[in-house]
Amino acid sequence: MDEQNRDKATLVTQENDRLFRFLFEDIGVRGEMVSLDASWQAALSMHDYPEVVAEQLGQALSASLLLSATLKFKGSLILQVQGDGPIKMMVAQSTDQQTVRGLAHWDDPVEPGDLQALFGGGRLVLTIKPDNGQSYQGIVALEGDSLAAAIQSYFSQSEQLNTRLWFAVDGQRAVGLMMQELPAKHGEKVDWERVELLAETITDRELLELPATEVIYRLFHEETVRLYDPEPVSFRCGCSREKLESSLITLGRNELLVILQEEGAIEVDCDFCNRHYHFDAIDVERLFVGDSVSAPLSRH
């Protein structure tokens, strides 16, 4: 490998698993680009996805990170696609800390095709869950020939914001690029159309092989663009034994005892990370250890 290509390969490695934000300062448009490498490999390792399903999941993970990066509070964003086609359900969740997790359920065989062929009739659900405050959920029919088109349709219907997305996914990387009008600053239509046309020139190969900074420069070097410091992205599942214990407590001691009597133990698997949790009779009793303890007698 010559020195120039070696330097480029090093730069690509350094920019893997990063989220880049940039702003068109004069026209009220923001942009983001995310590249997933180790985090994408971690997501793939959890399930034996067919290639077509994996590609859709890579797009969903990228999209959830791009969309959650526009939120101004601590919490998470969940992108879910439900349908009656070969891919029954796909969900991707990301947080304000740029952690991401996701999974898909499907029935074999899954042949290549457009969004309708893959998911059939379905819906796109976006759920915003602040750490403090009420959740918000938007639901639209699954429209368009790709996930990008479906999300763009969602923003057109629900938020009245011009939004464009581009995705590229292979077995090694998942990359997403997004541009969106700022809610409080609609620019001139001609400005949006100009940067949209510039972004349309990007190819899947360029998204997968070039560093994010080079992609942004190649596309928009004639625009006034402010590029912010990149933020690290990681695959992280939010499951824990403590969270499961809290869920079990809500079922109540009697219900759990019935399950123990029938099954011998309570077994729980996390679909996101394949972690297995086991609760036996002693574990269940420990959850309710204070419920039946009498108050101490007072001394006279």
C-alpha atoms as a PDB file:
ATOM      1  CA  MET A   1       0.000   0.000   0.000  1.00  0.00           C
ATOM      2  CA  ASP A   2       1.474   3.380  -0.967  1.00  0.00           C
ATOM      3  CA  GLU A   3       1.762   6.194   1.596  1.00  0.00           C
ATOM      4  CA  GLN A   4      -1.276   8.130   0.346  1.00  0.00           C
ATOM      5  CA  ASN A   5      -3.596   5.108   0.485  1.00  0.00           C
ATOM      6  CA  ARG A   6      -2.177   4.098   3.866  1.00  0.00           C
ATOM      7  CA  ASP A   7      -2.944   7.546   5.265  1.00  0.00           C
ATOM      8  CA  LYS A   8      -6.482   7.370   3.879  1.00  0.00           C
ATOM      9  CA  ALA A   9      -7.054   3.915   5.383  1.00  0.00           C
ATOM     10  CA  THR A  10      -5.823   5.187   8.749  1.00  0.00           C
ATOM     11  CA  LEU A  11      -8.187   8.165   8.549  1.00  0.00           C
ATOM     12  CA  VAL A  12     -11.156   5.946   7.694  1.00  0.00           C
ATOM     13  CA  THR A  13     -10.362   3.762  10.717  1.00  0.00           C
ATOM     14  CA  GLN A  14     -10.197   6.808  12.971  1.00  0.00           C
ATOM     15  CA  GLU A  15     -13.578   8.009  11.761  1.00  0.00           C
ATOM     16  CA  ASN A  16     -15.390   4.705  12.211  1.00  0.00           C
ATOM     17  CA  ASP A  17     -18.181   4.627  14.775  1.00  0.00           C
ATOM     18  CA  ARG A  18     -18.539   8.383  14.735  1.00  0.00           C
ATOM     19  CA  LEU A  19     -21.382  10.828  14.308  1.00  0.00           C
ATOM     20  CA  PHE A  20     -20.577  14.053  12.484  1.00  0.00           C
ATOM     21  CA  ARG A  21     -22.826  17.123  12.625  1.00  0.00           C
ATOM     22  CA  PHE A  22     -22.532  20.003  10.216  1.00  0.00           C
ATOM     23  CA  LEU A  23     -24.474  23.186   9.575  1.00  0.00           C
ATOM     24  CA  PHE A  24     -25.083  25.205   6.422  1.00  0.00           C
ATOM     25  CA  GLU A  25     -24.769  28.515   8.198  1.00  0.00           C
ATOM     26  CA  ASP A  26     -26.416  30.756   5.607  1.00  0.00           C
ATOM     27  CA  ILE A  27     -29.441  28.711   4.539  1.00  0.00           C
ATOM     28  CA  GLY A  28     -31.037  27.097   7.619  1.00  0.00           C
ATOM     29  CA  VAL A  29     -30.108  23.489   6.850  1.00  0.00           C
ATOM     30  CA  ARG A  30     -28.378  21.006   9.133  1.00  0.00           C
ATOM     31  CA  GLY A  31     -26.600  17.829   8.184  1.00  0.00           C
ATOM     32  CA  GLU A  32     -25.349  14.709   9.900  1.00  0.00           C
ATOM     33  CA  MET A  33     -23.321  11.724   8.853  1.00  0.00           C
ATOM     34  CA  VAL A  34     -22.818   8.550  10.852  1.00  0.00           C
ATOM     35  CA  SER A  35     -20.460   5.692  10.141  1.00  0.00           C
ATOM     36  CA  LEU A  36     -20.730   2.396  12.024  1.00  0.00           C
ATOM     37  CA  ASP A  37     -18.030  -0.233  12.058  1.00  0.00           C
ATOM     38  CA  ALA A  38     -17.411  -2.070  15.337  1.00  0.00           C
ATOM     39  CA  SER A  39     -20.906  -1.160  16.514  1.00  0.00           C
ATOM     40  CA  TRP A  40     -22.362  -2.572  13.286  1.00  0.00           C
ATOM     41  CA  GLN A  41     -20.344  -5.758  13.659  1.00  0.00           C
ATOM     42  CA  ALA A  42     -21.611  -6.093  17.241  1.00  0.00           C
ATOM     43  CA  ALA A  43     -25.227  -5.783  16.062  1.00  0.00           C
ATOM     44  CA  LEU A  44     -24.662  -8.385  13.333  1.00  0.00           C
ATOM     45  CA  SER A  45     -23.065 -10.846  15.732  1.00  0.00           C
ATOM     46  CA  MET A  46     -26.242 -11.111  17.811  1.00  0.00           C
ATOM     47  CA  HIS A  47     -28.318 -12.874  15.132  1.00  0.00           C
ATOM     48  CA  ASP A  48     -27.742 -14.773  11.899  1.00  0.00           C
ATOM     49  CA  TYR A  49     -29.440 -12.239   9.643  1.00  0.00           C
ATOM     50  CA  PRO A  50     -29.965 -12.905   5.929  1.00  0.00           C
ATOM     51  CA  GLU A  51     -28.079 -10.358   3.849  1.00  0.00           C
ATOM     52  CA  VAL A  52     -31.234  -8.503   2.800  1.00  0.00           C
ATOM     53  CA  VAL A  53     -32.467  -8.246   6.397  1.00  0.00           C
ATOM     54  CA  ALA A  54     -29.042  -7.103   7.603  1.00  0.00           C
ATOM     55  CA  GLU A  55     -29.005  -4.312   5.033  1.00  0.00           C
ATOM     56  CA  GLN A  56     -32.366  -2.997   6.237  1.00  0.00           C
ATOM     57  CA  LEU A  57     -31.264  -3.204   9.865  1.00  0.00           C
ATOM     58  CA  GLY A  58     -28.054  -1.309   9.096  1.00  0.00           C
ATOM     59  CA  GLN A  59     -30.138   1.439   7.536  1.00  0.00           C
ATOM     60  CA  ALA A  60     -32.459   1.528  10.548  1.00  0.00           C
ATOM     61  CA  LEU A  61     -29.580   1.763  13.034  1.00  0.00           C
ATOM     62  CA  SER A  62     -28.005   4.578  11.037  1.00  0.00           C
ATOM     63  CA  ALA A  63     -31.349   6.375  10.758  1.00  0.00           C
ATOM     64  CA  SER A  64     -32.082   6.168  14.473  1.00  0.00           C
ATOM     65  CA  LEU A  65     -28.727   7.752  15.303  1.00  0.00           C
ATOM     66  CA  LEU A  66     -29.163  10.504  12.729  1.00  0.00           C
ATOM     67  CA  LEU A  67     -32.662  11.320  13.976  1.00  0.00           C
ATOM     68  CA  SER A  68     -31.838  11.150  17.686  1.00  0.00           C
ATOM     69  CA  ALA A  69     -28.956  13.566  17.117  1.00  0.00           C
ATOM     70  CA  THR A  70     -31.525  16.279  16.333  1.00  0.00           C
ATOM     71  CA  LEU A  71     -33.133  15.956  19.787  1.00  0.00           C
ATOM     72  CA  LYS A  72     -32.302  18.540  22.440  1.00  0.00           C
ATOM     73  CA  PHE A  73     -32.929  16.499  25.582  1.00  0.00           C
ATOM     74  CA  LYS A  74     -31.687  13.380  27.341  1.00  0.00           C
ATOM     75  CA  GLY A  75     -33.541  10.276  26.302  1.00  0.00           C
ATOM     76  CA  SER A  76     -33.922   7.872  23.412  1.00  0.00           C
ATOM     77  CA  LEU A  77     -35.500   7.562  19.991  1.00  0.00           C
ATOM     78  CA  ILE A  78     -37.006   4.310  18.748  1.00  0.00           C
ATOM     79  CA  LEU A  79     -37.585   3.656  15.059  1.00  0.00           C
ATOM     80  CA  GLN A  80     -39.862   0.702  14.399  1.00  0.00           C
ATOM     81  CA  VAL A  81     -41.168  -0.798  11.168  1.00  0.00           C
ATOM     82  CA  GLN A  82     -44.009  -3.307  11.359  1.00  0.00           C
ATOM     83  CA  GLY A  83     -45.428  -5.179   8.392  1.00  0.00           C
ATOM     84  CA  ASP A  84     -47.013  -8.350   7.074  1.00  0.00           C
ATOM     85  CA  GLY A  85     -44.265  -9.162   4.594  1.00  0.00           C
ATOM     86  CA  PRO A  86     -41.188 -11.412   4.980  1.00  0.00           C
ATOM     87  CA  ILE A  87     -39.670  -8.919   7.473  1.00  0.00           C
ATOM     88  CA  LYS A  88     -42.269  -8.795  10.232  1.00  0.00           C
ATOM     89  CA  MET A  89     -40.665  -6.271  12.530  1.00  0.00           C
ATOM     90  CA  MET A  90     -37.544  -4.163  12.729  1.00  0.00           C
ATOM     91  CA  VAL A  91     -36.581  -1.837  15.554  1.00  0.00           C
ATOM     92  CA  ALA A  92     -33.606   0.420  16.212  1.00  0.00           C
ATOM     93  CA  GLN A  93     -33.099   2.450  19.361  1.00  0.00           C
ATOM     94  CA  SER A  94     -30.508   5.150  19.980  1.00  0.00           C
ATOM     95  CA  THR A  95     -29.860   7.510  22.860  1.00  0.00           C
ATOM     96  CA  ASP A  96     -28.572  11.029  23.401  1.00  0.00           C
ATOM     97  CA  GLN A  97     -25.256   9.370  24.326  1.00  0.00           C
ATOM     98  CA  GLN A  98     -25.039   7.941  20.767  1.00  0.00           C
ATOM     99  CA  THR A  99     -25.494   4.360  21.880  1.00  0.00           C
ATOM    100  CA  VAL A 100     -27.521   2.166  19.557  1.00  0.00           C
ATOM    101  CA  ARG A 101     -29.125  -1.261  19.510  1.00  0.00           C
ATOM    102  CA  GLY A 102     -31.537  -2.991  17.154  1.00  0.00           C
ATOM    103  CA  LEU A 103     -33.018  -6.217  15.881  1.00  0.00           C
ATOM    104  CA  ALA A 104     -35.269  -7.650  13.186  1.00  0.00           C
ATOM    105  CA  HIS A 105     -37.735 -10.546  13.010  1.00  0.00           C
ATOM    106  CA  TRP A 106     -38.308 -12.247   9.678  1.00  0.00           C
ATOM    107  CA  ASP A 107     -39.638 -15.354   7.984  1.00  0.00           C
ATOM    108  CA  ASP A 108     -37.539 -17.138   5.371  1.00  0.00           C
ATOM    109  CA  PRO A 109     -37.102 -16.719   2.519  1.00  0.00           C
ATOM    110  CA  VAL A 110     -36.406 -12.993   2.216  1.00  0.00           C
ATOM    111  CA  GLU A 111     -35.679 -12.034  -1.377  1.00  0.00           C
ATOM    112  CA  PRO A 112     -34.243  -8.656  -2.466  1.00  0.00           C
ATOM    113  CA  GLY A 113     -36.875  -6.076  -3.321  1.00  0.00           C
ATOM    114  CA  ASP A 114     -38.278  -2.677  -2.486  1.00  0.00           C
ATOM    115  CA  LEU A 115     -39.793  -1.697   0.832  1.00  0.00           C
ATOM    116  CA  GLN A 116     -43.222  -3.102   0.003  1.00  0.00           C
ATOM    117  CA  ALA A 117     -41.781  -6.444  -1.095  1.00  0.00           C
ATOM    118  CA  LEU A 118     -39.776  -6.725   2.124  1.00  0.00           C
ATOM    119  CA  PHE A 119     -42.285  -5.458   4.678  1.00  0.00           C
ATOM    120  CA  GLY A 120     -45.611  -5.708   2.851  1.00  0.00           C
ATOM    121  CA  GLY A 121     -48.359  -3.454   4.137  1.00  0.00           C
ATOM    122  CA  GLY A 122     -47.172  -1.861   7.319  1.00  0.00           C
ATOM    123  CA  ARG A 123     -46.430   1.226   9.314  1.00  0.00           C
ATOM    124  CA  LEU A 124     -43.503   3.310  10.467  1.00  0.00           C
ATOM    125  CA  VAL A 125     -43.468   4.276  14.145  1.00  0.00           C
ATOM    126  CA  LEU A 126     -41.147   6.860  15.678  1.00  0.00           C
ATOM    127  CA  THR A 127     -41.172   7.058  19.470  1.00  0.00           C
ATOM    128  CA  ILE A 128     -39.330   9.752  21.419  1.00  0.00           C
ATOM    129  CA  LYS A 129     -38.764   8.873  25.082  1.00  0.00           C
ATOM    130  CA  PRO A 130     -37.291  11.629  27.274  1.00  0.00           C
ATOM    131  CA  ASP A 131     -35.674  10.508  30.518  1.00  0.00           C
ATOM    132  CA  ASN A 132     -37.981  13.013  32.190  1.00  0.00           C
ATOM    133  CA  GLY A 133     -41.378  13.802  30.763  1.00  0.00           C
ATOM    134  CA  GLN A 134     -43.953  12.186  28.538  1.00  0.00           C
ATOM    135  CA  SER A 135     -43.151  10.101  25.482  1.00  0.00           C
ATOM    136  CA  TYR A 136     -44.229  11.141  21.999  1.00  0.00           C
ATOM    137  CA  GLN A 137     -45.133   8.727  19.234  1.00  0.00           C
ATOM    138  CA  GLY A 138     -45.749   9.362  15.558  1.00  0.00           C
ATOM    139  CA  ILE A 139     -47.220   6.700  13.267  1.00  0.00           C
ATOM    140  CA  VAL A 140     -47.563   6.797   9.481  1.00  0.00           C
ATOM    141  CA  ALA A 141     -48.279   4.232   6.800  1.00  0.00           C
ATOM    142  CA  LEU A 142     -45.194   2.636   5.294  1.00  0.00           C
ATOM    143  CA  GLU A 143     -44.778   4.509   2.015  1.00  0.00           C
ATOM    144  CA  GLY A 144     -42.046   4.698  -0.590  1.00  0.00           C
ATOM    145  CA  ASP A 145     -39.664   2.183  -2.115  1.00  0.00           C
ATOM    146  CA  SER A 146     -37.001   2.399   0.608  1.00  0.00           C
ATOM    147  CA  LEU A 147     -36.595   3.091   4.306  1.00  0.00           C
ATOM    148  CA  ALA A 148     -35.115   6.483   3.465  1.00  0.00           C
ATOM    149  CA  ALA A 149     -38.207   7.356   1.446  1.00  0.00           C
ATOM    150  CA  ALA A 150     -40.509   6.196   4.260  1.00  0.00           C
ATOM    151  CA  ILE A 151     -38.735   8.376   6.836  1.00  0.00           C
ATOM    152  CA  GLN A 152     -38.742  11.325   4.458  1.00  0.00           C
ATOM    153  CA  SER A 153     -42.489  10.860   4.004  1.00  0.00           C
ATOM    154  CA  TYR A 154     -42.929  10.796   7.783  1.00  0.00           C
ATOM    155  CA  PHE A 155     -41.239  14.176   8.199  1.00  0.00           C
ATOM    156  CA  SER A 156     -43.134  15.629   5.274  1.00  0.00           C
ATOM    157  CA  GLN A 157     -46.462  14.573   6.809  1.00  0.00           C
ATOM    158  CA  SER A 158     -45.806  15.011  10.517  1.00  0.00           C
ATOM    159  CA  GLU A 159     -43.238  17.781  10.803  1.00  0.00           C
ATOM    160  CA  GLN A 160     -43.533  19.621   7.464  1.00  0.00           C
ATOM    161  CA  LEU A 161     -39.750  19.625   7.235  1.00  0.00           C
ATOM    162  CA  ASN A 162     -37.737  18.906   4.099  1.00  0.00           C
ATOM    163  CA  THR A 163     -35.612  15.876   4.992  1.00  0.00           C
ATOM    164  CA  ARG A 164     -33.369  13.660   2.874  1.00  0.00           C
ATOM    165  CA  LEU A 165     -31.461  10.531   3.814  1.00  0.00           C
ATOM    166  CA  TRP A 166     -28.924   8.336   2.064  1.00  0.00           C
ATOM    167  CA  PHE A 167     -27.732   4.945   3.326  1.00  0.00           C
ATOM    168  CA  ALA A 168     -25.024   2.486   2.321  1.00  0.00           C
ATOM    169  CA  VAL A 169     -24.579  -0.871   4.066  1.00  0.00           C
ATOM    170  CA  ASP A 170     -22.354  -3.878   3.509  1.00  0.00           C
ATOM    171  CA  GLY A 171     -21.004  -6.657   5.704  1.00  0.00           C
ATOM    172  CA  GLN A 172     -18.408  -4.371   7.268  1.00  0.00           C
ATOM    173  CA  ARG A 173     -19.945  -0.927   7.611  1.00  0.00           C
ATOM    174  CA  ALA A 174     -23.236   0.910   7.798  1.00  0.00           C
ATOM    175  CA  VAL A 175     -23.261   4.588   6.842  1.00  0.00           C
ATOM    176  CA  GLY A 176     -25.989   7.207   6.835  1.00  0.00           C
ATOM    177  CA  LEU A 177     -26.163  10.800   5.617  1.00  0.00           C
ATOM    178  CA  MET A 178     -29.015  13.179   6.441  1.00  0.00           C
ATOM    179  CA  MET A 179     -29.936  16.748   5.588  1.00  0.00           C
ATOM    180  CA  GLN A 180     -32.885  18.558   7.124  1.00  0.00           C
ATOM    181  CA  GLU A 181     -34.311  22.040   7.256  1.00  0.00           C
ATOM    182  CA  LEU A 182     -34.055  23.702  10.636  1.00  0.00           C
ATOM    183  CA  PRO A 183     -37.539  23.912  12.197  1.00  0.00           C
ATOM    184  CA  ALA A 184     -37.236  27.565  13.173  1.00  0.00           C
ATOM    185  CA  LYS A 185     -35.468  28.768  10.046  1.00  0.00           C
ATOM    186  CA  HIS A 186     -36.922  27.772   6.703  1.00  0.00           C
ATOM    187  CA  GLY A 187     -34.583  28.962   3.996  1.00  0.00           C
ATOM    188  CA  GLU A 188     -35.198  29.731   0.357  1.00  0.00           C
ATOM    189  CA  LYS A 189     -36.449  26.810  -1.707  1.00  0.00           C
ATOM    190  CA  VAL A 190     -33.658  27.294  -4.228  1.00  0.00           C
ATOM    191  CA  ASP A 191     -31.040  26.879  -1.459  1.00  0.00           C
ATOM    192  CA  TRP A 192     -32.526  23.585  -0.311  1.00  0.00           C
ATOM    193  CA  GLU A 193     -32.760  22.307  -3.869  1.00  0.00           C
ATOM    194  CA  ARG A 194     -29.122  23.217  -4.518  1.00  0.00           C
ATOM    195  CA  VAL A 195     -27.631  21.332  -1.553  1.00  0.00           C
ATOM    196  CA  GLU A 196     -30.053  18.448  -2.173  1.00  0.00           C
ATOM    197  CA  LEU A 197     -28.770  18.107  -5.732  1.00  0.00           C
ATOM    198  CA  LEU A 198     -25.191  18.188  -4.475  1.00  0.00           C
ATOM    199  CA  ALA A 199     -25.900  15.393  -1.991  1.00  0.00           C
ATOM    200  CA  GLU A 200     -27.611  13.326  -4.706  1.00  0.00           C
ATOM    201  CA  THR A 201     -24.238  12.890  -6.411  1.00  0.00           C
ATOM    202  CA  ILE A 202     -22.914  10.685  -3.596  1.00  0.00           C
ATOM    203  CA  THR A 203     -22.499   6.987  -4.347  1.00  0.00           C
ATOM    204  CA  ASP A 204     -22.741   3.983  -2.035  1.00  0.00           C
ATOM    205  CA  ARG A 205     -19.089   3.215  -2.651  1.00  0.00           C
ATOM    206  CA  GLU A 206     -18.029   6.717  -1.619  1.00  0.00           C
ATOM    207  CA  LEU A 207     -20.120   6.552   1.546  1.00  0.00           C
ATOM    208  CA  LEU A 208     -18.603   3.207   2.515  1.00  0.00           C
ATOM    209  CA  GLU A 209     -14.992   3.882   1.553  1.00  0.00           C
ATOM    210  CA  LEU A 210     -14.327   7.578   2.138  1.00  0.00           C
ATOM    211  CA  PRO A 211     -13.867   9.299   5.505  1.00  0.00           C
ATOM    212  CA  ALA A 212     -16.902  11.323   6.558  1.00  0.00           C
ATOM    213  CA  THR A 213     -14.942  14.566   6.493  1.00  0.00           C
ATOM    214  CA  GLU A 214     -13.932  13.929   2.898  1.00  0.00           C
ATOM    215  CA  VAL A 215     -17.507  13.107   1.863  1.00  0.00           C
ATOM    216  CA  ILE A 216     -18.779  16.342   3.394  1.00  0.00           C
ATOM    217  CA  TYR A 217     -15.992  18.375   1.784  1.00  0.00           C
ATOM    218  CA  ARG A 218     -16.469  16.791  -1.650  1.00  0.00           C
ATOM    219  CA  LEU A 219     -20.188  17.457  -1.635  1.00  0.00           C
ATOM    220  CA  PHE A 220     -20.362  20.888  -0.065  1.00  0.00           C
ATOM    221  CA  HIS A 221     -16.963  22.609  -0.401  1.00  0.00           C
ATOM    222  CA  GLU A 222     -18.585  25.546  -2.205  1.00  0.00           C
ATOM    223  CA  GLU A 223     -21.072  26.103   0.646  1.00  0.00           C
ATOM    224  CA  THR A 224     -20.500  27.797   4.000  1.00  0.00           C
ATOM    225  CA  VAL A 225     -20.457  24.748   6.239  1.00  0.00           C
ATOM    226  CA  ARG A 226     -19.546  24.519   9.914  1.00  0.00           C
ATOM    227  CA  LEU A 227     -18.353  21.032  10.871  1.00  0.00           C
ATOM    228  CA  TYR A 228     -18.587  20.150  14.567  1.00  0.00           C
ATOM    229  CA  ASP A 229     -16.350  17.761  16.473  1.00  0.00           C
ATOM    230  CA  PRO A 230     -17.364  14.120  15.920  1.00  0.00           C
ATOM    231  CA  GLU A 231     -19.044  12.119  18.668  1.00  0.00           C
ATOM    232  CA  PRO A 232     -18.282   8.430  19.342  1.00  0.00           C
ATOM    233  CA  VAL A 233     -20.994   5.851  18.640  1.00  0.00           C
ATOM    234  CA  SER A 234     -21.259   2.443  20.290  1.00  0.00           C
ATOM    235  CA  PHE A 235     -23.521  -0.591  20.287  1.00  0.00           C
ATOM    236  CA  ARG A 236     -24.915  -0.977  23.774  1.00  0.00           C
ATOM    237  CA  CYS A 237     -27.905  -2.895  25.043  1.00  0.00           C
ATOM    238  CA  GLY A 238     -29.786  -1.327  27.928  1.00  0.00           C
ATOM    239  CA  CYS A 239     -30.917  -4.578  29.481  1.00  0.00           C
ATOM    240  CA  SER A 240     -29.859  -5.455  33.023  1.00  0.00           C
ATOM    241  CA  ARG A 241     -30.836  -7.801  35.800  1.00  0.00           C
ATOM    242  CA  GLU A 242     -31.997  -4.834  37.865  1.00  0.00           C
ATOM    243  CA  LYS A 243     -34.411  -3.683  35.153  1.00  0.00           C
ATOM    244  CA  LEU A 244     -35.812  -7.176  34.763  1.00  0.00           C
ATOM    245  CA  GLU A 245     -36.271  -7.459  38.526  1.00  0.00           C
ATOM    246  CA  SER A 246     -38.288  -4.246  38.492  1.00  0.00           C
ATOM    247  CA  SER A 247     -40.486  -5.669  35.725  1.00  0.00           C
ATOM    248  CA  LEU A 248     -40.968  -8.937  37.599  1.00  0.00           C
ATOM    249  CA  ILE A 249     -42.020  -7.097  40.746  1.00  0.00           C
ATOM    250  CA  THR A 250     -44.849  -5.440  38.806  1.00  0.00           C
ATOM    251  CA  LEU A 251     -46.262  -8.911  38.039  1.00  0.00           C
ATOM    252  CA  GLY A 252     -46.622  -9.626  41.725  1.00  0.00           C
ATOM    253  CA  ARG A 253     -45.360 -12.417  43.952  1.00  0.00           C
ATOM    254  CA  ASN A 254     -48.331 -14.733  43.435  1.00  0.00           C
ATOM    255  CA  GLU A 255     -48.079 -14.589  39.633  1.00  0.00           C
ATOM    256  CA  LEU A 256     -44.363 -15.321  39.768  1.00  0.00           C
ATOM    257  CA  LEU A 257     -44.924 -18.266  42.106  1.00  0.00           C
ATOM    258  CA  VAL A 258     -47.386 -19.736  39.615  1.00  0.00           C
ATOM    259  CA  ILE A 259     -44.774 -19.450  36.858  1.00  0.00           C
ATOM    260  CA  LEU A 260     -42.175 -21.080  39.090  1.00  0.00           C
ATOM    261  CA  GLN A 261     -44.542 -23.941  39.896  1.00  0.00           C
ATOM    262  CA  GLU A 262     -45.250 -24.548  36.208  1.00  0.00           C
ATOM    263  CA  GLU A 263     -41.789 -23.942  34.753  1.00  0.00           C
ATOM    264  CA  GLY A 264     -39.404 -24.507  37.649  1.00  0.00           C
ATOM    265  CA  ALA A 265     -37.651 -21.206  36.973  1.00  0.00           C
ATOM    266  CA  ILE A 266     -38.155 -17.918  35.170  1.00  0.00           C
ATOM    267  CA  GLU A 267     -35.966 -17.665  32.071  1.00  0.00           C
ATOM    268  CA  VAL A 268     -35.628 -14.389  30.179  1.00  0.00           C
ATOM    269  CA  ASP A 269     -33.635 -13.760  26.994  1.00  0.00           C
ATOM    270  CA  CYS A 270     -32.849 -10.299  25.650  1.00  0.00           C
ATOM    271  CA  ASP A 271     -33.616 -10.191  21.932  1.00  0.00           C
ATOM    272  CA  PHE A 272     -31.186  -7.323  21.408  1.00  0.00           C
ATOM    273  CA  CYS A 273     -28.017  -8.825  22.868  1.00  0.00           C
ATOM    274  CA  ASN A 274     -28.930 -12.513  23.454  1.00  0.00           C
ATOM    275  CA  ARG A 275     -28.071 -12.222  27.144  1.00  0.00           C
ATOM    276  CA  HIS A 276     -29.827 -14.850  29.266  1.00  0.00           C
ATOM    277  CA  TYR A 277     -31.269 -14.227  32.721  1.00  0.00           C
ATOM    278  CA  HIS A 278     -32.293 -16.953  35.162  1.00  0.00           C
ATOM    279  CA  PHE A 279     -34.500 -16.462  38.231  1.00  0.00           C
ATOM    280  CA  ASP A 280     -35.158 -19.337  40.632  1.00  0.00           C
ATOM    281  CA  ALA A 281     -37.418 -19.492  43.694  1.00  0.00           C
ATOM    282  CA  ILE A 282     -34.784 -17.919  45.938  1.00  0.00           C
ATOM    283  CA  ASP A 283     -34.330 -15.020  43.491  1.00  0.00           C
ATOM    284  CA  VAL A 284     -38.077 -14.383  43.423  1.00  0.00           C
ATOM    285  CA  GLU A 285     -38.417 -14.473  47.207  1.00  0.00           C
ATOM    286  CA  ARG A 286     -35.545 -12.008  47.466  1.00  0.00           C
ATOM    287  CA  LEU A 287     -37.513  -9.546  45.311  1.00  0.00           C
ATOM    288  CA  PHE A 288     -40.266  -9.450  47.919  1.00  0.00           C
ATOM    289  CA  VAL A 289     -38.167  -9.921  51.023  1.00  0.00           C
ATOM    290  CA  GLY A 290     -39.646  -6.890  52.800  1.00  0.00           C
ATOM    291  CA  ASP A 291     -43.289  -7.439  51.935  1.00  0.00           C
ATOM    292  CA  SER A 292     -44.256  -9.865  54.698  1.00  0.00           C
ATOM    293  CA  VAL A 293     -41.782  -8.903  57.403  1.00  0.00           C
ATOM    294  CA  SER A 294     -43.561  -7.729  60.530  1.00  0.00           C
ATOM    295  CA  ALA A 295     -42.568  -4.495  62.154  1.00  0.00           C
ATOM    296  CA  PRO A 296     -40.413  -4.996  65.251  1.00  0.00           C
ATOM    297  CA  LEU A 297     -42.215  -5.062  68.580  1.00  0.00           C
ATOM    298  CA  SER A 298     -41.752  -2.005  70.728  1.00  0.00           C
ATOM    299  CA  ARG A 299     -40.217  -2.491  74.141  1.00  0.00           C
ATOM    300  CA  HIS A 300     -41.897  -1.285  77.307  1.00  0.00           C
END
